[in-house]
C-alpha atoms as a PDB file:
ATOM      1  CA  MET A   1       0.000   0.000   0.000  1.00  0.00           C
ATOM      2  CA  ASP A   2       1.468   3.362  -0.938  1.00  0.00           C
ATOM      3  CA  ASN A   3       1.582   6.364   1.384  1.00  0.00           C
ATOM      4  CA  MET A   4      -1.397   8.073  -0.249  1.00  0.00           C
ATOM      5  CA  MET A   5      -3.582   4.999   0.201  1.00  0.00           C
ATOM      6  CA  ALA A   6      -2.513   4.660   3.838  1.00  0.00           C
ATOM      7  CA  TRP A   7      -3.421   8.312   4.393  1.00  0.00           C
ATOM      8  CA  LEU A   8      -6.826   7.877   2.739  1.00  0.00           C
ATOM      9  CA  LEU A   9      -7.629   4.831   4.861  1.00  0.00           C
ATOM     10  CA  GLY A  10      -6.601   6.472   8.096  1.00  0.00           C
ATOM     11  CA  ARG A  11      -3.236   7.229   9.538  1.00  0.00           C
ATOM     12  CA  LYS A  12      -1.542   4.487  11.472  1.00  0.00           C
ATOM     13  CA  LYS A  13      -0.436   5.379  14.961  1.00  0.00           C
ATOM     14  CA  GLY A  14       3.256   5.863  15.422  1.00  0.00           C
ATOM     15  CA  PRO A  15       5.392   5.295  18.505  1.00  0.00           C
ATOM     16  CA  ILE A  16       4.637   8.728  19.968  1.00  0.00           C
ATOM     17  CA  GLU A  17       0.874   8.197  19.747  1.00  0.00           C
ATOM     18  CA  HIS A  18       1.232   4.717  21.239  1.00  0.00           C
ATOM     19  CA  ALA A  19       3.276   6.115  24.134  1.00  0.00           C
ATOM     20  CA  ILE A  20       0.678   8.821  24.796  1.00  0.00           C
ATOM     21  CA  ASP A  21      -2.127   6.240  24.711  1.00  0.00           C
ATOM     22  CA  GLU A  22      -0.200   4.089  27.189  1.00  0.00           C
ATOM     23  CA  ALA A  23       0.346   7.095  29.457  1.00  0.00           C
ATOM     24  CA  LEU A  24      -3.353   8.000  29.312  1.00  0.00           C
ATOM     25  CA  SER A  25      -4.255   4.469  30.415  1.00  0.00           C
ATOM     26  CA  LEU A  26      -1.857   4.809  33.334  1.00  0.00           C
ATOM     27  CA  LEU A  27      -3.390   8.180  34.235  1.00  0.00           C
ATOM     28  CA  GLU A  28      -6.803   6.537  34.421  1.00  0.00           C
ATOM     29  CA  GLU A  29      -5.296   4.198  37.027  1.00  0.00           C
ATOM     30  CA  LYS A  30      -3.771   7.238  38.815  1.00  0.00           C
ATOM     31  CA  ASP A  31      -0.294   5.822  38.242  1.00  0.00           C
ATOM     32  CA  TYR A  32       1.194   9.261  37.600  1.00  0.00           C
ATOM     33  CA  ASP A  33       4.850   8.308  37.954  1.00  0.00           C
ATOM     34  CA  ALA A  34       4.504   5.489  35.434  1.00  0.00           C
ATOM     35  CA  ALA A  35       2.661   7.771  32.993  1.00  0.00           C
ATOM     36  CA  ILE A  36       5.420  10.374  33.306  1.00  0.00           C
ATOM     37  CA  ALA A  37       8.077   7.721  32.722  1.00  0.00           C
ATOM     38  CA  VAL A  38       6.312   6.434  29.607  1.00  0.00           C
ATOM     39  CA  ILE A  39       6.104   9.890  28.073  1.00  0.00           C
ATOM     40  CA  GLN A  40       9.691  10.726  28.948  1.00  0.00           C
ATOM     41  CA  ASN A  41      11.182   7.378  27.911  1.00  0.00           C
ATOM     42  CA  LYS A  42       9.021   6.342  24.974  1.00  0.00           C
ATOM     43  CA  ALA A  43       7.956   9.645  23.438  1.00  0.00           C
ATOM     44  CA  LEU A  44      10.307  12.466  24.335  1.00  0.00           C
ATOM     45  CA  THR A  45      13.475  10.421  23.875  1.00  0.00           C
ATOM     46  CA  ARG A  46      12.376   9.915  20.257  1.00  0.00           C
ATOM     47  CA  GLU A  47      11.061  13.423  19.653  1.00  0.00           C
ATOM     48  CA  PRO A  48      12.141  15.851  22.397  1.00  0.00           C
ATOM     49  CA  GLU A  49      10.289  18.758  20.763  1.00  0.00           C
ATOM     50  CA  ASN A  50       6.973  16.931  20.247  1.00  0.00           C
ATOM     51  CA  ARG A  51       4.480  19.411  21.688  1.00  0.00           C
ATOM     52  CA  ARG A  52       1.715  16.848  22.058  1.00  0.00           C
ATOM     53  CA  ALA A  53       3.961  14.665  24.215  1.00  0.00           C
ATOM     54  CA  ILE A  54       5.141  17.712  26.184  1.00  0.00           C
ATOM     55  CA  LEU A  55       1.505  18.742  26.718  1.00  0.00           C
ATOM     56  CA  HIS A  56       0.626  15.329  28.118  1.00  0.00           C
ATOM     57  CA  LEU A  57       3.702  15.372  30.339  1.00  0.00           C
ATOM     58  CA  GLY A  58       2.512  18.674  31.807  1.00  0.00           C
ATOM     59  CA  ILE A  59      -0.953  17.244  32.375  1.00  0.00           C
ATOM     60  CA  CYS A  60       0.585  14.242  34.167  1.00  0.00           C
ATOM     61  CA  TYR A  61       2.401  16.571  36.553  1.00  0.00           C
ATOM     62  CA  MET A  62      -0.746  18.642  37.038  1.00  0.00           C
ATOM     63  CA  LEU A  63      -2.800  15.571  37.971  1.00  0.00           C
ATOM     64  CA  LYS A  64       0.008  14.400  40.255  1.00  0.00           C
ATOM     65  CA  GLY A  65      -0.261  17.720  42.081  1.00  0.00           C
ATOM     66  CA  GLU A  66       3.169  19.036  41.094  1.00  0.00           C
ATOM     67  CA  LEU A  67       1.771  22.354  39.899  1.00  0.00           C
ATOM     68  CA  ASP A  68       5.043  24.271  39.544  1.00  0.00           C
ATOM     69  CA  GLN A  69       6.517  21.572  37.297  1.00  0.00           C
ATOM     70  CA  ALA A  70       3.252  21.323  35.348  1.00  0.00           C
ATOM     71  CA  GLU A  71       3.095  25.067  34.835  1.00  0.00           C
ATOM     72  CA  THR A  72       6.660  25.226  33.525  1.00  0.00           C
ATOM     73  CA  ILE A  73       6.037  22.411  31.060  1.00  0.00           C
ATOM     74  CA  LEU A  74       2.670  23.733  29.887  1.00  0.00           C
ATOM     75  CA  ARG A  75       4.096  27.221  29.331  1.00  0.00           C
ATOM     76  CA  THR A  76       6.710  25.586  27.080  1.00  0.00           C
ATOM     77  CA  VAL A  77       3.927  24.141  24.925  1.00  0.00           C
ATOM     78  CA  VAL A  78       2.354  27.572  24.492  1.00  0.00           C
ATOM     79  CA  ARG A  79       5.673  29.323  23.901  1.00  0.00           C
ATOM     80  CA  LYS A  80       6.812  26.851  21.214  1.00  0.00           C
ATOM     81  CA  GLY A  81       3.650  26.888  19.137  1.00  0.00           C
ATOM     82  CA  GLY A  82       1.043  29.028  17.561  1.00  0.00           C
ATOM     83  CA  MET A  83      -2.604  28.928  18.445  1.00  0.00           C
ATOM     84  CA  ASP A  84      -3.350  25.279  17.840  1.00  0.00           C
ATOM     85  CA  SER A  85      -5.021  22.493  19.767  1.00  0.00           C
ATOM     86  CA  GLU A  86      -1.924  21.793  21.884  1.00  0.00           C
ATOM     87  CA  SER A  87      -1.631  25.459  22.906  1.00  0.00           C
ATOM     88  CA  ALA A  88      -5.356  25.685  23.616  1.00  0.00           C
ATOM     89  CA  ALA A  89      -5.228  22.576  25.819  1.00  0.00           C
ATOM     90  CA  ALA A  90      -2.149  23.902  27.623  1.00  0.00           C
ATOM     91  CA  LEU A  91      -3.886  27.235  28.293  1.00  0.00           C
ATOM     92  CA  ILE A  92      -6.932  25.439  29.708  1.00  0.00           C
ATOM     93  CA  ALA A  93      -4.683  23.364  31.970  1.00  0.00           C
ATOM     94  CA  LEU A  94      -2.805  26.499  33.084  1.00  0.00           C
ATOM     95  CA  GLU A  95      -6.127  28.134  33.958  1.00  0.00           C
ATOM     96  CA  LYS A  96      -7.047  25.099  36.071  1.00  0.00           C
ATOM     97  CA  ILE A  97      -3.694  25.291  37.849  1.00  0.00           C
ATOM     98  CA  GLY A  98      -4.373  28.942  38.652  1.00  0.00           C
ATOM     99  CA  LYS A  99      -7.801  28.075  40.056  1.00  0.00           C
ATOM    100  CA  ASP A 100      -6.376  25.164  42.077  1.00  0.00           C
ATOM    101  CA  ARG A 101      -3.749  27.450  43.567  1.00  0.00           C
ATOM    102  CA  GLY A 102      -6.453  29.978  44.454  1.00  0.00           C
ATOM    103  CA  LYS A 103      -8.405  27.309  46.341  1.00  0.00           C
ATOM    104  CA  ALA A 104      -5.304  26.286  48.290  1.00  0.00           C
ATOM    105  CA  LYS A 105      -4.869  29.797  49.776  1.00  0.00           C
END
């Protein structure tokens, strides 16, 4: 099957997408450290600048409660991209972090 046919039939998931899916499954189980490790070791080692993987790493830290680390990572997503779905998701997560910090005071 040529590349055009593969595209028409639906894109196959690559290793980054598989790593993110694995991390999301671990997040559902609240295994934050394992999810972080999967993204770092299986996604970001292959593509250190992959904004989707960076976004999910930030979300892992946010859910783990490490808000400073999450904020730093999520701001990187926004800074490195234009206004796309990754930036929009990062901004939403940053807003949640701000609200969570406000509740903690």
